[in-house]
Amino acid sequence: MDINQLKERMDILLASSVVSTKAADISTLSFMHLQSYLKKDAIAGAEMLFTHLPTALTRIEKGELVEAPHPALLDEVKQSPEASIAMKEIDYVQQQWKNQLPQEEIDFLLIHYTNVLQINKGGN
């Protein structure tokens, strides 16, 4: 996924009222932040993350709650060498959001970010 594909995805989600403008904007900034970290124009396997992120932010705006991921899965992800980098990316999202995300959303984002980081090891 590159920035143009991300923008197309955000446009579709916005047009169908699935995500808010604020959520789409923060997701776009977060994508560019991850691109910068990875030193890649195209981020392999990023589609799930950058669908989950804007929908999660929109849910939070609406006051909707989400159940936590399975504890065994979360424990496994936390053991990954990429988990600490994933948390830095989530911290960036929270800085843009200007609020702490609910722990359940952080946990899901940790799973998604860690997966994307594992897929994209090594940069260009």
N, C-alpha and C. Protein backbone atom coordinates (compact mmCIF):
# COMPACT_ATOMS: atom_id res chain seq x y z
N MET A 1 0.85 -1.17 0.00
CA MET A 1 0.00 0.00 0.00
C MET A 1 0.90 1.24 0.00
N ASP A 2 0.63 2.15 -0.92
CA ASP A 2 1.34 3.41 -0.93
C ASP A 2 0.37 4.53 -0.53
N ILE A 3 0.86 5.76 -0.51
CA ILE A 3 0.04 6.88 -0.03
C ILE A 3 -1.19 7.10 -0.91
N ASN A 4 -1.06 6.88 -2.21
CA ASN A 4 -2.21 7.06 -3.10
C ASN A 4 -3.28 6.00 -2.82
N GLN A 5 -2.86 4.77 -2.59
CA GLN A 5 -3.82 3.71 -2.25
C GLN A 5 -4.48 4.00 -0.91
N LEU A 6 -3.70 4.51 0.03
CA LEU A 6 -4.27 4.87 1.33
C LEU A 6 -5.32 5.96 1.16
N LYS A 7 -4.99 6.99 0.39
CA LYS A 7 -5.95 8.08 0.20
C LYS A 7 -7.23 7.59 -0.48
N GLU A 8 -7.10 6.69 -1.44
CA GLU A 8 -8.30 6.09 -2.07
C GLU A 8 -9.13 5.36 -1.03
N ARG A 9 -8.47 4.60 -0.16
CA ARG A 9 -9.17 3.86 0.91
C ARG A 9 -9.88 4.84 1.83
N MET A 10 -9.20 5.91 2.24
CA MET A 10 -9.81 6.89 3.14
C MET A 10 -11.00 7.58 2.46
N ASP A 11 -10.85 7.89 1.18
CA ASP A 11 -11.96 8.52 0.44
C ASP A 11 -13.19 7.63 0.42
N ILE A 12 -12.99 6.34 0.20
CA ILE A 12 -14.12 5.39 0.18
C ILE A 12 -14.77 5.32 1.56
N LEU A 13 -13.94 5.20 2.60
CA LEU A 13 -14.47 5.11 3.96
C LEU A 13 -15.19 6.40 4.37
N LEU A 14 -14.67 7.53 3.94
CA LEU A 14 -15.31 8.82 4.23
C LEU A 14 -16.63 8.96 3.47
N ALA A 15 -16.61 8.61 2.20
CA ALA A 15 -17.81 8.75 1.36
C ALA A 15 -18.96 7.88 1.86
N SER A 16 -18.62 6.75 2.46
CA SER A 16 -19.66 5.85 2.96
C SER A 16 -19.94 6.09 4.46
N SER A 17 -19.38 7.18 5.00
CA SER A 17 -19.60 7.57 6.41
C SER A 17 -19.18 6.50 7.41
N VAL A 18 -18.18 5.71 7.05
CA VAL A 18 -17.65 4.68 7.95
C VAL A 18 -16.66 5.30 8.93
N VAL A 19 -15.94 6.34 8.47
CA VAL A 19 -14.95 7.00 9.33
C VAL A 19 -15.17 8.51 9.30
N SER A 20 -14.65 9.17 10.33
CA SER A 20 -14.73 10.62 10.41
C SER A 20 -13.54 11.24 9.68
N THR A 21 -13.68 12.51 9.35
CA THR A 21 -12.58 13.24 8.70
C THR A 21 -11.35 13.26 9.61
N LYS A 22 -11.55 13.53 10.89
CA LYS A 22 -10.43 13.56 11.84
C LYS A 22 -9.72 12.21 11.87
N ALA A 23 -10.46 11.12 11.89
CA ALA A 23 -9.87 9.77 11.92
C ALA A 23 -9.09 9.49 10.64
N ALA A 24 -9.62 9.90 9.51
CA ALA A 24 -8.94 9.70 8.23
C ALA A 24 -7.66 10.52 8.17
N ASP A 25 -7.72 11.76 8.65
CA ASP A 25 -6.54 12.63 8.64
C ASP A 25 -5.43 12.07 9.53
N ILE A 26 -5.79 11.63 10.72
CA ILE A 26 -4.79 11.07 11.64
C ILE A 26 -4.23 9.76 11.07
N SER A 27 -5.05 8.97 10.43
CA SER A 27 -4.58 7.72 9.83
C SER A 27 -3.59 8.01 8.71
N THR A 28 -3.85 9.04 7.93
CA THR A 28 -2.94 9.42 6.85
C THR A 28 -1.61 9.90 7.42
N LEU A 29 -1.64 10.72 8.45
CA LEU A 29 -0.41 11.17 9.10
C LEU A 29 0.36 9.98 9.69
N SER A 30 -0.38 9.04 10.28
CA SER A 30 0.25 7.86 10.88
C SER A 30 0.88 6.97 9.82
N PHE A 31 0.24 6.87 8.66
CA PHE A 31 0.81 6.11 7.55
C PHE A 31 2.13 6.74 7.11
N MET A 32 2.14 8.06 6.95
CA MET A 32 3.36 8.75 6.52
C MET A 32 4.46 8.62 7.58
N HIS A 33 4.08 8.62 8.85
CA HIS A 33 5.04 8.44 9.93
C HIS A 33 5.66 7.04 9.84
N LEU A 34 4.85 6.04 9.59
CA LEU A 34 5.35 4.67 9.46
C LEU A 34 6.22 4.54 8.21
N GLN A 35 5.82 5.18 7.12
CA GLN A 35 6.65 5.19 5.90
C GLN A 35 8.03 5.74 6.21
N SER A 36 8.08 6.81 6.95
CA SER A 36 9.34 7.45 7.31
C SER A 36 10.21 6.51 8.15
N TYR A 37 9.59 5.85 9.13
CA TYR A 37 10.34 4.91 9.97
C TYR A 37 10.89 3.75 9.12
N LEU A 38 10.04 3.19 8.27
CA LEU A 38 10.44 2.03 7.46
C LEU A 38 11.33 2.41 6.27
N LYS A 39 11.33 3.70 5.95
CA LYS A 39 12.06 4.17 4.76
C LYS A 39 11.56 3.45 3.51
N LYS A 40 10.23 3.39 3.40
CA LYS A 40 9.57 2.73 2.27
C LYS A 40 8.43 3.60 1.77
N ASP A 41 8.27 3.66 0.45
CA ASP A 41 7.11 4.35 -0.11
C ASP A 41 5.86 3.49 0.00
N ALA A 42 6.04 2.20 -0.26
CA ALA A 42 4.93 1.24 -0.19
C ALA A 42 5.13 0.34 1.02
N ILE A 43 4.09 0.19 1.81
CA ILE A 43 4.15 -0.64 3.02
C ILE A 43 3.35 -1.92 2.76
N ALA A 44 4.05 -3.03 2.71
CA ALA A 44 3.39 -4.32 2.46
C ALA A 44 2.51 -4.70 3.64
N GLY A 45 1.33 -5.24 3.35
CA GLY A 45 0.44 -5.76 4.38
C GLY A 45 -0.20 -4.73 5.27
N ALA A 46 -0.25 -3.47 4.83
CA ALA A 46 -0.76 -2.40 5.69
C ALA A 46 -2.27 -2.19 5.59
N GLU A 47 -2.94 -2.89 4.70
CA GLU A 47 -4.36 -2.65 4.47
C GLU A 47 -5.21 -2.84 5.71
N MET A 48 -4.99 -3.93 6.45
CA MET A 48 -5.80 -4.19 7.65
C MET A 48 -5.57 -3.11 8.71
N LEU A 49 -4.30 -2.77 8.93
CA LEU A 49 -3.98 -1.74 9.92
C LEU A 49 -4.65 -0.43 9.58
N PHE A 50 -4.54 -0.02 8.31
CA PHE A 50 -5.07 1.29 7.94
C PHE A 50 -6.53 1.27 7.52
N THR A 51 -7.19 0.16 7.80
CA THR A 51 -8.65 0.12 7.83
C THR A 51 -9.09 0.14 9.29
N HIS A 52 -8.38 -0.64 10.11
CA HIS A 52 -8.72 -0.70 11.53
C HIS A 52 -8.52 0.66 12.22
N LEU A 53 -7.38 1.31 11.95
CA LEU A 53 -7.06 2.55 12.65
C LEU A 53 -8.15 3.63 12.49
N PRO A 54 -8.54 4.00 11.27
CA PRO A 54 -9.56 5.06 11.18
C PRO A 54 -10.92 4.63 11.72
N THR A 55 -11.26 3.35 11.57
CA THR A 55 -12.55 2.90 12.12
C THR A 55 -12.50 2.88 13.64
N ALA A 56 -11.35 2.52 14.21
CA ALA A 56 -11.20 2.53 15.67
C ALA A 56 -11.33 3.95 16.21
N LEU A 57 -10.64 4.89 15.56
CA LEU A 57 -10.72 6.29 16.02
C LEU A 57 -12.14 6.83 15.91
N THR A 58 -12.83 6.44 14.86
CA THR A 58 -14.23 6.87 14.69
C THR A 58 -15.11 6.27 15.78
N ARG A 59 -14.88 4.99 16.10
CA ARG A 59 -15.64 4.35 17.19
C ARG A 59 -15.42 5.10 18.50
N ILE A 60 -14.17 5.46 18.76
CA ILE A 60 -13.84 6.17 20.00
C ILE A 60 -14.56 7.52 20.04
N GLU A 61 -14.56 8.23 18.90
CA GLU A 61 -15.27 9.52 18.83
C GLU A 61 -16.75 9.35 19.18
N LYS A 62 -17.32 8.23 18.75
CA LYS A 62 -18.75 7.98 18.98
C LYS A 62 -19.02 7.38 20.36
N GLY A 63 -17.97 7.10 21.12
CA GLY A 63 -18.14 6.53 22.45
C GLY A 63 -18.44 5.04 22.44
N GLU A 64 -18.18 4.39 21.32
CA GLU A 64 -18.41 2.94 21.22
C GLU A 64 -17.23 2.20 21.82
N LEU A 65 -17.51 1.05 22.40
CA LEU A 65 -16.47 0.24 23.02
C LEU A 65 -16.19 -1.00 22.17
N VAL A 66 -15.01 -1.56 22.36
CA VAL A 66 -14.63 -2.77 21.65
C VAL A 66 -14.09 -3.75 22.69
N GLU A 67 -14.30 -5.04 22.44
CA GLU A 67 -13.76 -6.05 23.35
C GLU A 67 -12.27 -6.18 23.10
N ALA A 68 -11.56 -6.58 24.12
CA ALA A 68 -10.11 -6.77 24.01
C ALA A 68 -9.79 -8.00 23.17
N PRO A 69 -8.61 -7.99 22.52
CA PRO A 69 -8.20 -9.20 21.79
C PRO A 69 -7.92 -10.34 22.77
N HIS A 70 -7.85 -11.54 22.25
CA HIS A 70 -7.59 -12.72 23.07
C HIS A 70 -6.25 -12.54 23.79
N PRO A 71 -6.22 -12.77 25.11
CA PRO A 71 -4.99 -12.56 25.88
C PRO A 71 -3.79 -13.36 25.37
N ALA A 72 -3.99 -14.58 24.92
CA ALA A 72 -2.87 -15.40 24.44
C ALA A 72 -2.24 -14.77 23.20
N LEU A 73 -3.09 -14.25 22.30
CA LEU A 73 -2.59 -13.59 21.10
C LEU A 73 -1.80 -12.33 21.49
N LEU A 74 -2.34 -11.57 22.39
CA LEU A 74 -1.69 -10.34 22.83
C LEU A 74 -0.35 -10.65 23.48
N ASP A 75 -0.30 -11.67 24.33
CA ASP A 75 0.96 -12.07 24.97
C ASP A 75 2.01 -12.45 23.94
N GLU A 76 1.59 -13.17 22.91
CA GLU A 76 2.51 -13.58 21.85
C GLU A 76 3.06 -12.35 21.11
N VAL A 77 2.18 -11.42 20.78
CA VAL A 77 2.59 -10.21 20.06
C VAL A 77 3.56 -9.39 20.91
N LYS A 78 3.31 -9.30 22.20
CA LYS A 78 4.18 -8.51 23.08
C LYS A 78 5.59 -9.08 23.16
N GLN A 79 5.77 -10.35 22.82
CA GLN A 79 7.09 -10.97 22.82
C GLN A 79 7.89 -10.65 21.56
N SER A 80 7.23 -10.11 20.56
CA SER A 80 7.88 -9.81 19.29
C SER A 80 8.90 -8.69 19.45
N PRO A 81 10.03 -8.78 18.73
CA PRO A 81 11.00 -7.70 18.77
C PRO A 81 10.44 -6.38 18.22
N GLU A 82 9.40 -6.46 17.40
CA GLU A 82 8.80 -5.25 16.81
C GLU A 82 7.79 -4.57 17.73
N ALA A 83 7.43 -5.20 18.83
CA ALA A 83 6.39 -4.65 19.71
C ALA A 83 6.75 -3.27 20.25
N SER A 84 8.02 -3.05 20.59
CA SER A 84 8.39 -1.73 21.14
C SER A 84 8.29 -0.64 20.08
N ILE A 85 8.65 -0.96 18.84
CA ILE A 85 8.50 0.00 17.74
C ILE A 85 7.01 0.24 17.49
N ALA A 86 6.22 -0.82 17.53
CA ALA A 86 4.78 -0.69 17.34
C ALA A 86 4.19 0.27 18.38
N MET A 87 4.64 0.17 19.62
CA MET A 87 4.13 1.06 20.67
C MET A 87 4.53 2.51 20.39
N LYS A 88 5.70 2.73 19.82
CA LYS A 88 6.10 4.10 19.47
C LYS A 88 5.19 4.65 18.38
N GLU A 89 4.80 3.82 17.44
CA GLU A 89 3.88 4.25 16.39
C GLU A 89 2.50 4.55 16.99
N ILE A 90 2.06 3.73 17.93
CA ILE A 90 0.77 3.97 18.60
C ILE A 90 0.84 5.26 19.42
N ASP A 91 1.98 5.50 20.05
CA ASP A 91 2.16 6.77 20.78
C ASP A 91 2.02 7.96 19.84
N TYR A 92 2.56 7.82 18.63
CA TYR A 92 2.42 8.89 17.64
C TYR A 92 0.94 9.12 17.31
N VAL A 93 0.19 8.04 17.13
CA VAL A 93 -1.25 8.15 16.86
C VAL A 93 -1.92 8.92 18.02
N GLN A 94 -1.57 8.56 19.25
CA GLN A 94 -2.18 9.22 20.41
C GLN A 94 -1.82 10.69 20.48
N GLN A 95 -0.59 11.03 20.09
CA GLN A 95 -0.19 12.43 20.06
C GLN A 95 -1.05 13.21 19.06
N GLN A 96 -1.28 12.62 17.90
CA GLN A 96 -2.12 13.27 16.88
C GLN A 96 -3.57 13.35 17.36
N TRP A 97 -4.02 12.31 18.02
CA TRP A 97 -5.39 12.22 18.52
C TRP A 97 -5.60 13.18 19.69
N LYS A 98 -4.50 13.49 20.39
CA LYS A 98 -4.49 14.38 21.55
C LYS A 98 -5.24 13.81 22.74
N ASN A 99 -5.36 12.49 22.77
CA ASN A 99 -6.00 11.79 23.88
C ASN A 99 -5.44 10.38 23.98
N GLN A 100 -5.55 9.83 25.16
CA GLN A 100 -5.18 8.43 25.37
C GLN A 100 -6.24 7.55 24.73
N LEU A 101 -5.81 6.55 23.97
CA LEU A 101 -6.74 5.59 23.39
C LEU A 101 -7.12 4.56 24.45
N PRO A 102 -8.31 3.98 24.35
CA PRO A 102 -8.67 2.90 25.28
C PRO A 102 -7.70 1.73 25.13
N GLN A 103 -7.42 1.05 26.23
CA GLN A 103 -6.45 -0.04 26.21
C GLN A 103 -6.80 -1.12 25.19
N GLU A 104 -8.09 -1.41 25.04
CA GLU A 104 -8.50 -2.44 24.07
C GLU A 104 -8.09 -2.06 22.65
N GLU A 105 -8.24 -0.78 22.30
CA GLU A 105 -7.84 -0.32 20.97
C GLU A 105 -6.31 -0.34 20.83
N ILE A 106 -5.61 0.06 21.88
CA ILE A 106 -4.15 -0.01 21.85
C ILE A 106 -3.71 -1.44 21.59
N ASP A 107 -4.35 -2.39 22.26
CA ASP A 107 -3.99 -3.80 22.10
C ASP A 107 -4.20 -4.27 20.66
N PHE A 108 -5.33 -3.91 20.07
CA PHE A 108 -5.57 -4.29 18.68
C PHE A 108 -4.57 -3.61 17.73
N LEU A 109 -4.30 -2.34 17.97
CA LEU A 109 -3.32 -1.64 17.14
C LEU A 109 -1.93 -2.24 17.30
N LEU A 110 -1.60 -2.68 18.50
CA LEU A 110 -0.32 -3.33 18.73
C LEU A 110 -0.20 -4.59 17.86
N ILE A 111 -1.26 -5.36 17.78
CA ILE A 111 -1.26 -6.56 16.94
C ILE A 111 -1.06 -6.17 15.47
N HIS A 112 -1.82 -5.21 15.01
CA HIS A 112 -1.74 -4.80 13.60
C HIS A 112 -0.37 -4.19 13.26
N TYR A 113 0.08 -3.25 14.08
CA TYR A 113 1.37 -2.60 13.82
C TYR A 113 2.52 -3.62 13.86
N THR A 114 2.51 -4.50 14.84
CA THR A 114 3.59 -5.49 14.96
C THR A 114 3.62 -6.37 13.72
N ASN A 115 2.46 -6.78 13.25
CA ASN A 115 2.38 -7.59 12.04
C ASN A 115 2.98 -6.85 10.83
N VAL A 116 2.60 -5.60 10.65
CA VAL A 116 3.09 -4.81 9.52
C VAL A 116 4.61 -4.62 9.64
N LEU A 117 5.09 -4.36 10.84
CA LEU A 117 6.53 -4.18 11.03
C LEU A 117 7.29 -5.47 10.73
N GLN A 118 6.74 -6.61 11.12
CA GLN A 118 7.38 -7.89 10.80
C GLN A 118 7.44 -8.14 9.30
N ILE A 119 6.37 -7.83 8.61
CA ILE A 119 6.31 -8.02 7.16
C ILE A 119 7.33 -7.14 6.44
N ASN A 120 7.55 -5.94 6.98
CA ASN A 120 8.36 -4.93 6.29
C ASN A 120 9.76 -4.75 6.88
N LYS A 121 10.28 -5.75 7.54
CA LYS A 121 11.63 -5.67 8.11
C LYS A 121 12.64 -5.31 7.03
N GLY A 122 13.57 -4.44 7.38
CA GLY A 122 14.71 -4.22 6.50
C GLY A 122 14.70 -2.98 5.65
N GLY A 123 13.60 -2.27 5.52
CA GLY A 123 13.57 -1.06 4.69
C GLY A 123 13.77 -1.37 3.22
N ASN A 124 14.14 -0.35 2.42
CA ASN A 124 14.32 -0.52 0.97
C ASN A 124 15.60 -1.28 0.67
